[in-house]
Amino acid sequence: MNDQKPSDSKDVLGYLKNGIWLFGLSSWLFGITDRSIASFADGYLSALDLTQLFTAATFFVAWLFLKPVPRGS
């Protein structure tokens, strides 16, 4: 019975990590989409708009590399 406790807590921790990563993924996609719409709404891109889009895209790519990997049982 003691053997199942650590396994259950590892499963819960894995689901939590995956859930946080998915929430962050959707947040970054929303942020990039929002910045893109705001940047193109006035018809031209300023240097500030490009900087914001580049920064958001860089952090999004970094977030993709932080995807939790499943541990073998």
N, C-alpha and C. Protein backbone atom coordinates (compact mmCIF):
# COMPACT_ATOMS: atom_id res chain seq x y z
N MET A 1 0.82 -1.19 0.00
CA MET A 1 0.00 0.00 0.00
C MET A 1 0.86 1.25 0.00
N ASN A 2 2.02 1.18 0.63
CA ASN A 2 2.92 2.33 0.62
C ASN A 2 3.54 2.57 -0.75
N ASP A 3 3.59 1.54 -1.59
CA ASP A 3 4.16 1.68 -2.92
C ASP A 3 3.27 2.51 -3.84
N GLN A 4 1.97 2.54 -3.59
CA GLN A 4 1.07 3.27 -4.47
C GLN A 4 1.03 4.76 -4.16
N LYS A 5 1.33 5.17 -2.96
CA LYS A 5 1.32 6.59 -2.62
C LYS A 5 2.28 7.41 -3.47
N PRO A 6 3.57 7.03 -3.56
CA PRO A 6 4.47 7.81 -4.41
C PRO A 6 4.06 7.81 -5.87
N SER A 7 3.54 6.69 -6.35
CA SER A 7 3.11 6.61 -7.74
C SER A 7 1.94 7.56 -8.00
N ASP A 8 0.99 7.59 -7.07
CA ASP A 8 -0.15 8.49 -7.21
C ASP A 8 0.29 9.94 -7.17
N SER A 9 1.21 10.28 -6.28
CA SER A 9 1.66 11.66 -6.19
C SER A 9 2.46 12.05 -7.43
N LYS A 10 3.20 11.10 -8.01
CA LYS A 10 3.92 11.38 -9.26
C LYS A 10 2.95 11.61 -10.40
N ASP A 11 1.88 10.83 -10.43
CA ASP A 11 0.86 11.02 -11.47
C ASP A 11 0.21 12.39 -11.34
N VAL A 12 -0.14 12.76 -10.13
CA VAL A 12 -0.78 14.06 -9.90
C VAL A 12 0.17 15.19 -10.28
N LEU A 13 1.43 15.05 -9.88
CA LEU A 13 2.42 16.07 -10.22
C LEU A 13 2.62 16.16 -11.73
N GLY A 14 2.60 15.03 -12.41
CA GLY A 14 2.72 15.01 -13.87
C GLY A 14 1.55 15.70 -14.54
N TYR A 15 0.34 15.42 -14.06
CA TYR A 15 -0.85 16.08 -14.61
C TYR A 15 -0.81 17.58 -14.35
N LEU A 16 -0.34 17.97 -13.17
CA LEU A 16 -0.25 19.38 -12.83
C LEU A 16 0.74 20.10 -13.74
N LYS A 17 1.92 19.49 -13.93
CA LYS A 17 2.92 20.08 -14.82
C LYS A 17 2.38 20.22 -16.24
N ASN A 18 1.74 19.18 -16.71
CA ASN A 18 1.19 19.22 -18.07
C ASN A 18 0.09 20.27 -18.19
N GLY A 19 -0.75 20.38 -17.17
CA GLY A 19 -1.81 21.38 -17.18
C GLY A 19 -1.28 22.79 -17.18
N ILE A 20 -0.25 23.04 -16.37
CA ILE A 20 0.36 24.36 -16.34
C ILE A 20 0.99 24.69 -17.69
N TRP A 21 1.65 23.68 -18.29
CA TRP A 21 2.29 23.91 -19.58
C TRP A 21 1.24 24.21 -20.66
N LEU A 22 0.13 23.48 -20.66
CA LEU A 22 -0.92 23.73 -21.64
C LEU A 22 -1.56 25.09 -21.44
N PHE A 23 -1.75 25.48 -20.18
CA PHE A 23 -2.30 26.81 -19.90
C PHE A 23 -1.35 27.90 -20.40
N GLY A 24 -0.06 27.71 -20.15
CA GLY A 24 0.93 28.68 -20.62
C GLY A 24 0.98 28.73 -22.14
N LEU A 25 0.86 27.57 -22.78
CA LEU A 25 0.87 27.51 -24.24
C LEU A 25 -0.30 28.31 -24.81
N SER A 26 -1.48 28.10 -24.28
CA SER A 26 -2.64 28.84 -24.77
C SER A 26 -2.53 30.33 -24.45
N SER A 27 -1.93 30.67 -23.33
CA SER A 27 -1.74 32.08 -22.98
C SER A 27 -0.78 32.76 -23.94
N TRP A 28 0.33 32.08 -24.27
CA TRP A 28 1.29 32.66 -25.22
C TRP A 28 0.67 32.81 -26.60
N LEU A 29 -0.11 31.83 -27.03
CA LEU A 29 -0.77 31.94 -28.34
C LEU A 29 -1.76 33.10 -28.35
N PHE A 30 -2.51 33.26 -27.27
CA PHE A 30 -3.43 34.38 -27.18
C PHE A 30 -2.67 35.70 -27.21
N GLY A 31 -1.57 35.78 -26.45
CA GLY A 31 -0.79 37.01 -26.39
C GLY A 31 -0.19 37.39 -27.73
N ILE A 32 0.34 36.41 -28.46
CA ILE A 32 0.91 36.70 -29.77
C ILE A 32 -0.18 37.12 -30.75
N THR A 33 -1.31 36.45 -30.69
CA THR A 33 -2.43 36.82 -31.56
C THR A 33 -2.92 38.22 -31.25
N ASP A 34 -3.05 38.54 -29.98
CA ASP A 34 -3.49 39.87 -29.56
C ASP A 34 -2.52 40.96 -30.02
N ARG A 35 -1.23 40.73 -29.82
CA ARG A 35 -0.20 41.68 -30.25
C ARG A 35 -0.19 41.84 -31.76
N SER A 36 -0.40 40.74 -32.48
CA SER A 36 -0.41 40.81 -33.95
C SER A 36 -1.59 41.63 -34.45
N ILE A 37 -2.76 41.38 -33.89
CA ILE A 37 -3.94 42.15 -34.29
C ILE A 37 -3.77 43.62 -33.96
N ALA A 38 -3.25 43.91 -32.77
CA ALA A 38 -3.04 45.30 -32.37
C ALA A 38 -1.99 45.97 -33.24
N SER A 39 -0.97 45.23 -33.65
CA SER A 39 0.09 45.81 -34.46
C SER A 39 -0.38 46.13 -35.87
N PHE A 40 -1.18 45.24 -36.44
CA PHE A 40 -1.63 45.43 -37.82
C PHE A 40 -2.92 46.25 -37.93
N ALA A 41 -3.51 46.62 -36.82
CA ALA A 41 -4.78 47.34 -36.85
C ALA A 41 -4.64 48.73 -37.46
N ASP A 42 -3.51 49.38 -37.23
CA ASP A 42 -3.35 50.74 -37.74
C ASP A 42 -2.73 50.77 -39.14
N GLY A 43 -2.39 49.62 -39.69
CA GLY A 43 -1.94 49.57 -41.07
C GLY A 43 -0.44 49.55 -41.28
N TYR A 44 0.34 49.80 -40.26
CA TYR A 44 1.80 49.72 -40.42
C TYR A 44 2.43 49.21 -39.14
N LEU A 45 3.65 48.71 -39.26
CA LEU A 45 4.38 48.19 -38.11
C LEU A 45 5.46 49.19 -37.69
N SER A 46 5.45 49.54 -36.44
CA SER A 46 6.50 50.40 -35.92
C SER A 46 7.61 49.52 -35.33
N ALA A 47 8.70 50.14 -34.97
CA ALA A 47 9.81 49.39 -34.36
C ALA A 47 9.37 48.79 -33.03
N LEU A 48 8.54 49.50 -32.28
CA LEU A 48 8.05 48.98 -31.00
C LEU A 48 7.15 47.75 -31.22
N ASP A 49 6.31 47.81 -32.24
CA ASP A 49 5.46 46.65 -32.55
C ASP A 49 6.29 45.43 -32.90
N LEU A 50 7.29 45.62 -33.73
CA LEU A 50 8.16 44.51 -34.11
C LEU A 50 8.92 43.96 -32.92
N THR A 51 9.37 44.83 -32.04
CA THR A 51 10.09 44.39 -30.84
C THR A 51 9.18 43.57 -29.94
N GLN A 52 7.96 44.02 -29.75
CA GLN A 52 7.01 43.29 -28.92
C GLN A 52 6.67 41.93 -29.52
N LEU A 53 6.46 41.87 -30.82
CA LEU A 53 6.15 40.60 -31.47
C LEU A 53 7.34 39.64 -31.41
N PHE A 54 8.53 40.16 -31.64
CA PHE A 54 9.72 39.32 -31.59
C PHE A 54 9.95 38.77 -30.18
N THR A 55 9.75 39.62 -29.18
CA THR A 55 9.93 39.19 -27.79
C THR A 55 8.91 38.12 -27.41
N ALA A 56 7.65 38.34 -27.77
CA ALA A 56 6.61 37.36 -27.47
C ALA A 56 6.88 36.04 -28.20
N ALA A 57 7.30 36.10 -29.44
CA ALA A 57 7.59 34.89 -30.19
C ALA A 57 8.79 34.14 -29.60
N THR A 58 9.79 34.87 -29.14
CA THR A 58 10.96 34.24 -28.53
C THR A 58 10.58 33.52 -27.25
N PHE A 59 9.79 34.16 -26.40
CA PHE A 59 9.35 33.52 -25.17
C PHE A 59 8.43 32.34 -25.46
N PHE A 60 7.63 32.42 -26.51
CA PHE A 60 6.77 31.31 -26.89
C PHE A 60 7.59 30.09 -27.29
N VAL A 61 8.62 30.30 -28.09
CA VAL A 61 9.50 29.20 -28.50
C VAL A 61 10.22 28.62 -27.28
N ALA A 62 10.66 29.48 -26.37
CA ALA A 62 11.29 28.99 -25.14
C ALA A 62 10.30 28.17 -24.32
N TRP A 63 9.05 28.58 -24.27
CA TRP A 63 8.02 27.84 -23.54
C TRP A 63 7.81 26.45 -24.14
N LEU A 64 7.90 26.35 -25.47
CA LEU A 64 7.74 25.06 -26.12
C LEU A 64 8.82 24.08 -25.67
N PHE A 65 10.03 24.57 -25.43
CA PHE A 65 11.12 23.71 -24.98
C PHE A 65 10.97 23.29 -23.52
N LEU A 66 10.07 23.92 -22.78
CA LEU A 66 9.86 23.59 -21.38
C LEU A 66 8.78 22.52 -21.18
N LYS A 67 8.33 21.92 -22.27
CA LYS A 67 7.29 20.89 -22.17
C LYS A 67 7.75 19.77 -21.25
N PRO A 68 6.92 19.42 -20.27
CA PRO A 68 7.30 18.33 -19.36
C PRO A 68 7.33 16.99 -20.11
N VAL A 69 8.32 16.19 -19.78
CA VAL A 69 8.45 14.88 -20.41
C VAL A 69 7.92 13.83 -19.44
N PRO A 70 7.18 12.86 -19.94
CA PRO A 70 6.66 11.81 -19.05
C PRO A 70 7.80 10.92 -18.58
N ARG A 71 7.76 10.58 -17.31
CA ARG A 71 8.77 9.70 -16.72
C ARG A 71 8.33 8.27 -16.89
N GLY A 72 9.27 7.39 -17.15
CA GLY A 72 8.95 5.96 -17.28
C GLY A 72 8.63 5.36 -15.93
N SER A 73 7.72 4.41 -15.91
CA SER A 73 7.34 3.79 -14.63
C SER A 73 8.34 2.74 -14.22
